[in-house]
Amino acid sequence: MRSRNPVFSRRGFSRDNGYAGFNAAPQAGGQAVGTQGNPYAQPAGNPYAQNPYAQNPYAQQGLQGAPPQAPVTTAGRMTMDDVVLRTASTLGTLIVTAALAWALLPVDDAHISRSYGIGIGAALIGMVLAFVQSFKRKATPALILSYAAFEGVFLGVVSSIVDNRIASGAAMQAVIGTMAVFAGVLIAYKAGWIRVNRRFYGFVMAAALGFVLLMAVNLLFAVFGGGDGLGFRSGPLGVFFGVVGILLGACFLALDFKQVEDGIAYGAPKDEAWLAAFGLTLTLVWIYMEFLRIIAILNSND
């Protein structure tokens, strides 16, 4: 089972000036960090500078450090409802195709090779679509939904294999674990217990890059040396790195929430909600796969 890393597919609303304007928008309960370097605070670098609501009519002198207020009118601008709707559409597509793959691609001894091959093929197509969307300047709903559909096929096949051949109930346990992480990070973020700033972003990206490189080395050893490579994905080490993967996924959820908060606060175009849905879906898939891997390792007879 190969992890699908969201690191290289993450993008904020500040494409040319850092991730999601860390120097400007405070998160829930926090104070503003400042406006220097914020592409939305400087008209010359703000892609939404023509937004008629960019100048807050309710701003008062002396409130420069206060949290940015949402546009007075949200016509054509991203709202929380837009993010929720797009995320529901993306995850709904993924869930439907996963359920179809589970039902239509049997994993018994006679069919497991064919089903697993289809799942891996779907994963590769989904990866290509994800990379294409990541390098596009604007969100393409068709690409995002297609990614979700192919990723769903992969998850359906892998989940069925683990659930039917290794650990009964593993898929539901992984879903519950993913939902618990999502809820926990959301509560912590809204309560201000998680402070998303440039330092946090740099730490998460460095840790994620190291994690991915380590897993890549393990994969190379597995391909050329056989077995599980260096053993980073099996046994006690596999469980440890699975937990690390879940923690990294939780950190990416915090970055996703920051992205959504900044986009709404600075009046991002409505289509940017698709990017938020894309990022959240990538992260949730990452967390789910790490939970499924841990459950498989703990129930393995090897």
Protein backbone atom coordinates (compact mmCIF):
# COMPACT_ATOMS: atom_id res chain seq x y z
CA MET A 1 0.00 0.00 0.00
CA ARG A 2 1.59 3.24 -1.14
CA SER A 3 1.04 6.50 0.70
CA ARG A 4 -0.33 9.37 -1.33
CA ASN A 5 1.61 12.38 -0.11
CA PRO A 6 -0.22 15.73 -0.21
CA VAL A 7 2.97 17.72 0.36
CA PHE A 8 3.72 18.46 -3.28
CA SER A 9 0.11 19.25 -4.10
CA ARG A 10 -0.46 21.90 -1.45
CA ARG A 11 -0.96 25.47 -2.52
CA GLY A 12 -2.38 28.51 -0.79
CA PHE A 13 -4.12 31.55 -2.14
CA SER A 14 -0.80 33.42 -2.13
CA ARG A 15 0.83 31.68 -5.06
CA ASP A 16 3.77 34.04 -5.48
CA ASN A 17 4.26 35.26 -1.94
CA GLY A 18 4.28 32.26 0.36
CA TYR A 19 1.63 30.01 1.77
CA ALA A 20 -1.76 31.55 2.41
CA GLY A 21 -0.43 34.90 3.61
CA PHE A 22 0.99 33.79 6.94
CA ASN A 23 2.11 37.32 7.68
CA ALA A 24 -1.36 38.73 7.60
CA ALA A 25 -4.38 36.70 8.54
CA PRO A 26 -4.65 35.65 12.16
CA GLN A 27 -6.38 32.41 12.86
CA ALA A 28 -9.31 32.03 15.20
CA GLY A 29 -8.60 33.71 18.51
CA GLY A 30 -5.16 34.95 17.41
CA GLN A 31 -3.59 38.33 16.83
CA ALA A 32 -2.41 39.54 13.44
CA VAL A 33 1.21 38.80 12.73
CA GLY A 34 1.64 41.78 10.42
CA THR A 35 1.02 42.73 6.84
CA GLN A 36 4.50 42.89 5.37
CA GLY A 37 4.79 40.34 2.57
CA ASN A 38 1.05 39.71 2.44
CA PRO A 39 -0.04 39.74 -1.21
CA TYR A 40 -3.54 40.77 -0.23
CA ALA A 41 -2.49 43.71 1.91
CA GLN A 42 -0.49 45.26 -0.95
CA PRO A 43 -2.54 46.21 -4.04
CA ALA A 44 0.39 45.64 -6.41
CA GLY A 45 0.66 41.97 -5.47
CA ASN A 46 -2.95 41.21 -4.62
CA PRO A 47 -4.61 39.07 -7.30
CA TYR A 48 -7.94 40.25 -5.91
CA ALA A 49 -7.04 43.95 -5.80
CA GLN A 50 -10.05 44.81 -7.97
CA ASN A 51 -12.33 43.41 -5.32
CA PRO A 52 -14.73 46.26 -4.45
CA TYR A 53 -14.81 44.93 -0.89
CA ALA A 54 -11.03 45.00 -0.46
CA GLN A 55 -11.44 48.30 1.38
CA ASN A 56 -13.44 47.53 4.46
CA PRO A 57 -16.02 50.30 4.95
CA TYR A 58 -16.24 49.42 8.62
CA ALA A 59 -12.51 49.68 9.31
CA GLN A 60 -11.69 52.18 12.06
CA GLN A 61 -8.49 54.01 12.72
CA GLY A 62 -6.16 52.07 15.00
CA LEU A 63 -7.45 48.65 13.98
CA GLN A 64 -4.66 47.83 11.57
CA GLY A 65 -3.67 44.81 13.66
CA ALA A 66 -7.22 43.44 13.92
CA PRO A 67 -8.33 40.33 12.05
CA PRO A 68 -9.39 41.00 8.45
CA GLN A 69 -13.14 41.16 8.07
CA ALA A 70 -15.00 39.14 5.47
CA PRO A 71 -16.39 41.06 2.47
CA VAL A 72 -19.67 42.82 3.15
CA THR A 73 -21.22 41.10 0.13
CA THR A 74 -20.07 37.62 -0.89
CA ALA A 75 -21.28 37.66 -4.51
CA GLY A 76 -18.53 36.03 -6.56
CA ARG A 77 -16.37 35.54 -3.47
CA MET A 78 -15.53 32.34 -1.65
CA THR A 79 -17.61 31.57 1.42
CA MET A 80 -17.55 28.77 3.96
CA ASP A 81 -20.69 27.33 2.33
CA ASP A 82 -18.80 27.13 -0.97
CA VAL A 83 -15.93 25.23 0.66
CA VAL A 84 -18.29 22.83 2.43
CA LEU A 85 -20.28 22.18 -0.76
CA ARG A 86 -17.20 21.58 -2.93
CA THR A 87 -15.56 19.39 -0.31
CA ALA A 88 -18.75 17.36 0.06
CA SER A 89 -18.91 16.93 -3.72
CA THR A 90 -15.28 15.80 -3.92
CA LEU A 91 -15.46 13.43 -0.98
CA GLY A 92 -18.86 12.17 -2.15
CA THR A 93 -17.40 11.26 -5.54
CA LEU A 94 -14.51 9.48 -3.84
CA ILE A 95 -16.80 7.53 -1.52
CA VAL A 96 -19.16 6.45 -4.33
CA THR A 97 -16.33 5.12 -6.54
CA ALA A 98 -14.71 3.44 -3.53
CA ALA A 99 -17.97 1.67 -2.74
CA LEU A 100 -18.37 0.59 -6.37
CA ALA A 101 -14.80 -0.72 -6.48
CA TRP A 102 -15.37 -2.63 -3.24
CA ALA A 103 -18.54 -4.23 -4.63
CA LEU A 104 -17.46 -4.87 -8.22
CA LEU A 105 -13.79 -5.83 -7.85
CA PRO A 106 -13.57 -9.05 -5.81
CA VAL A 107 -10.39 -9.78 -3.88
CA ASP A 108 -10.62 -13.55 -3.56
CA ASP A 109 -7.71 -15.72 -4.67
CA ALA A 110 -9.00 -15.97 -8.22
CA HIS A 111 -9.47 -12.24 -8.79
CA ILE A 112 -7.17 -10.38 -6.42
CA SER A 113 -4.38 -9.87 -8.97
CA ARG A 114 -6.73 -8.28 -11.50
CA SER A 115 -8.50 -6.14 -8.90
CA TYR A 116 -5.24 -4.97 -7.35
CA GLY A 117 -3.86 -4.13 -10.80
CA ILE A 118 -6.94 -2.01 -11.55
CA GLY A 119 -6.54 -0.29 -8.18
CA ILE A 120 -2.88 0.53 -8.80
CA GLY A 121 -3.71 1.81 -12.29
CA ALA A 122 -6.42 4.05 -10.85
CA ALA A 123 -3.96 5.32 -8.22
CA LEU A 124 -1.42 6.26 -10.89
CA ILE A 125 -4.05 8.09 -12.95
CA GLY A 126 -5.24 9.89 -9.84
CA MET A 127 -1.67 10.90 -9.02
CA VAL A 128 -1.17 12.35 -12.50
CA LEU A 129 -4.44 14.29 -12.29
CA ALA A 130 -3.45 15.62 -8.86
CA PHE A 131 -0.10 16.85 -10.15
CA VAL A 132 -1.71 18.47 -13.19
CA GLN A 133 -4.16 20.35 -10.98
CA SER A 134 -1.39 21.33 -8.58
CA PHE A 135 0.53 23.10 -11.34
CA LYS A 136 -2.47 24.88 -12.82
CA ARG A 137 -3.05 28.49 -11.83
CA LYS A 138 -6.79 28.00 -11.49
CA ALA A 139 -8.95 25.24 -10.12
CA THR A 140 -10.47 22.86 -12.66
CA PRO A 141 -13.48 21.11 -11.11
CA ALA A 142 -13.42 18.34 -13.73
CA LEU A 143 -9.81 17.50 -12.85
CA ILE A 144 -10.49 17.54 -9.12
CA LEU A 145 -13.58 15.35 -9.38
CA SER A 146 -11.78 12.98 -11.76
CA TYR A 147 -8.94 12.69 -9.27
CA ALA A 148 -11.46 11.89 -6.54
CA ALA A 149 -13.11 9.23 -8.72
CA PHE A 150 -9.88 7.39 -9.56
CA GLU A 151 -8.56 7.75 -6.02
CA GLY A 152 -11.81 6.26 -4.79
CA VAL A 153 -11.29 3.16 -6.95
CA PHE A 154 -7.82 2.71 -5.46
CA LEU A 155 -9.04 3.17 -1.90
CA GLY A 156 -11.96 0.81 -2.48
CA VAL A 157 -9.69 -1.99 -3.72
CA VAL A 158 -7.03 -1.54 -1.03
CA SER A 159 -9.60 -1.22 1.74
CA SER A 160 -11.37 -4.37 0.53
CA ILE A 161 -8.10 -6.31 0.51
CA VAL A 162 -7.19 -5.26 4.04
CA ASP A 163 -10.73 -5.70 5.37
CA ASN A 164 -11.37 -9.11 3.80
CA ARG A 165 -7.94 -10.70 3.94
CA ILE A 166 -6.08 -9.15 6.88
CA ALA A 167 -8.30 -7.42 9.45
CA SER A 168 -12.09 -7.51 9.39
CA GLY A 169 -13.56 -4.07 10.05
CA ALA A 170 -10.27 -2.29 9.23
CA ALA A 171 -11.87 0.10 6.73
CA MET A 172 -14.46 1.34 9.22
CA GLN A 173 -11.81 1.70 11.92
CA ALA A 174 -9.68 3.78 9.55
CA VAL A 175 -12.66 5.97 8.65
CA ILE A 176 -13.46 6.57 12.32
CA GLY A 177 -9.82 7.36 13.05
CA THR A 178 -9.69 9.84 10.15
CA MET A 179 -12.89 11.55 11.30
CA ALA A 180 -11.54 11.77 14.85
CA VAL A 181 -8.31 13.43 13.66
CA PHE A 182 -10.26 15.88 11.50
CA ALA A 183 -12.58 16.83 14.36
CA GLY A 184 -9.73 17.11 16.86
CA VAL A 185 -7.61 19.37 14.64
CA LEU A 186 -10.61 21.54 13.77
CA ILE A 187 -11.49 22.04 17.44
CA ALA A 188 -7.87 22.76 18.34
CA TYR A 189 -7.53 25.22 15.46
CA LYS A 190 -10.72 27.11 16.25
CA ALA A 191 -9.77 27.24 19.93
CA GLY A 192 -6.40 28.77 19.05
CA TRP A 193 -4.39 25.85 20.43
CA ILE A 194 -2.68 25.43 17.06
CA ARG A 195 -0.85 28.52 15.79
CA VAL A 196 -0.33 28.36 12.05
CA ASN A 197 2.44 30.75 11.03
CA ARG A 198 5.56 30.69 8.87
CA ARG A 199 7.53 28.76 11.47
CA PHE A 200 4.82 26.12 11.73
CA TYR A 201 4.61 25.87 7.94
CA GLY A 202 8.38 25.56 7.57
CA PHE A 203 8.59 22.87 10.24
CA VAL A 204 5.76 20.83 8.70
CA MET A 205 7.17 21.04 5.19
CA ALA A 206 10.67 20.06 6.36
CA ALA A 207 9.31 17.12 8.37
CA ALA A 208 7.11 16.01 5.48
CA LEU A 209 9.97 16.22 2.99
CA GLY A 210 12.16 14.11 5.27
CA PHE A 211 9.35 11.60 5.71
CA VAL A 212 8.78 11.29 1.98
CA LEU A 213 12.49 10.89 1.22
CA LEU A 214 12.83 8.20 3.89
CA MET A 215 9.85 6.29 2.49
CA ALA A 216 11.27 6.65 -1.02
CA VAL A 217 14.57 5.12 0.08
CA ASN A 218 12.67 2.30 1.78
CA LEU A 219 10.73 1.72 -1.45
CA LEU A 220 13.91 1.57 -3.52
CA PHE A 221 15.42 -1.01 -1.18
CA ALA A 222 12.18 -3.00 -1.38
CA VAL A 223 12.17 -2.92 -5.19
CA PHE A 224 15.81 -3.87 -5.68
CA GLY A 225 16.43 -5.87 -2.53
CA GLY A 226 13.09 -7.56 -2.04
CA GLY A 227 10.99 -7.82 1.08
CA ASP A 228 9.98 -4.60 2.81
CA GLY A 229 13.21 -2.75 2.14
CA LEU A 230 14.58 -1.23 5.33
CA GLY A 231 11.53 -2.31 7.31
CA PHE A 232 10.06 1.18 7.73
CA ARG A 233 6.62 -0.03 6.65
CA SER A 234 6.28 -3.24 8.66
CA GLY A 235 6.52 -4.35 12.27
CA PRO A 236 7.10 -1.89 15.11
CA LEU A 237 8.91 0.56 12.83
CA GLY A 238 5.95 0.47 10.46
CA VAL A 239 3.57 1.37 13.28
CA PHE A 240 5.87 4.17 14.42
CA PHE A 241 6.15 5.72 10.96
CA GLY A 242 2.41 5.26 10.49
CA VAL A 243 1.80 7.37 13.59
CA VAL A 244 4.27 9.94 12.29
CA GLY A 245 2.34 10.00 9.01
CA ILE A 246 -0.93 10.62 10.85
CA LEU A 247 0.64 13.48 12.84
CA LEU A 248 1.91 15.03 9.60
CA GLY A 249 -1.57 14.68 8.13
CA ALA A 250 -3.01 16.47 11.16
CA CYS A 251 -0.54 19.31 10.60
CA PHE A 252 -1.60 19.55 6.97
CA LEU A 253 -5.21 19.78 8.10
CA ALA A 254 -4.26 22.85 10.13
CA LEU A 255 -2.64 24.33 7.01
CA ASP A 256 -5.81 23.55 5.04
CA PHE A 257 -7.94 25.35 7.63
CA LYS A 258 -5.60 28.34 7.46
CA GLN A 259 -5.92 28.36 3.68
CA VAL A 260 -9.71 28.42 3.88
CA GLU A 261 -9.73 31.11 6.57
CA ASP A 262 -7.41 33.38 4.60
CA GLY A 263 -9.30 32.88 1.34
CA ILE A 264 -12.58 33.91 2.92
CA ALA A 265 -11.03 36.80 4.87
CA TYR A 266 -9.37 38.29 1.78
CA GLY A 267 -12.26 37.79 -0.62
CA ALA A 268 -10.80 35.04 -2.80
CA PRO A 269 -12.81 34.19 -5.94
CA LYS A 270 -15.52 31.61 -5.54
CA ASP A 271 -13.67 29.07 -7.69
CA GLU A 272 -10.88 28.96 -5.10
CA ALA A 273 -13.23 26.86 -2.96
CA TRP A 274 -12.39 23.96 -5.29
CA LEU A 275 -8.73 24.29 -4.35
CA ALA A 276 -9.64 24.16 -0.68
CA ALA A 277 -11.74 21.03 -1.31
CA PHE A 278 -8.85 19.50 -3.26
CA GLY A 279 -6.37 20.12 -0.43
CA LEU A 280 -8.71 18.75 2.22
CA THR A 281 -9.39 15.62 0.17
CA LEU A 282 -5.68 14.97 -0.35
CA THR A 283 -5.01 15.31 3.36
CA LEU A 284 -7.91 13.10 4.44
CA VAL A 285 -6.85 10.39 1.99
CA TRP A 286 -3.31 10.57 3.40
CA ILE A 287 -4.56 10.17 6.99
CA TYR A 288 -6.93 7.34 6.06
CA MET A 289 -4.17 5.40 4.32
CA GLU A 290 -1.86 5.73 7.32
CA PHE A 291 -4.59 4.44 9.66
CA LEU A 292 -5.30 1.54 7.30
CA ARG A 293 -1.60 0.68 7.15
CA ILE A 294 -1.24 0.65 10.95
CA ILE A 295 -4.30 -1.59 11.32
CA ALA A 296 -2.94 -3.96 8.68
CA ILE A 297 0.45 -4.15 10.41
CA LEU A 298 -1.06 -4.78 13.84
CA ASN A 299 -3.19 -7.61 12.46
CA SER A 300 -0.59 -9.15 10.20
CA ASN A 301 0.45 -12.73 10.84
CA ASP A 302 3.95 -12.15 9.44
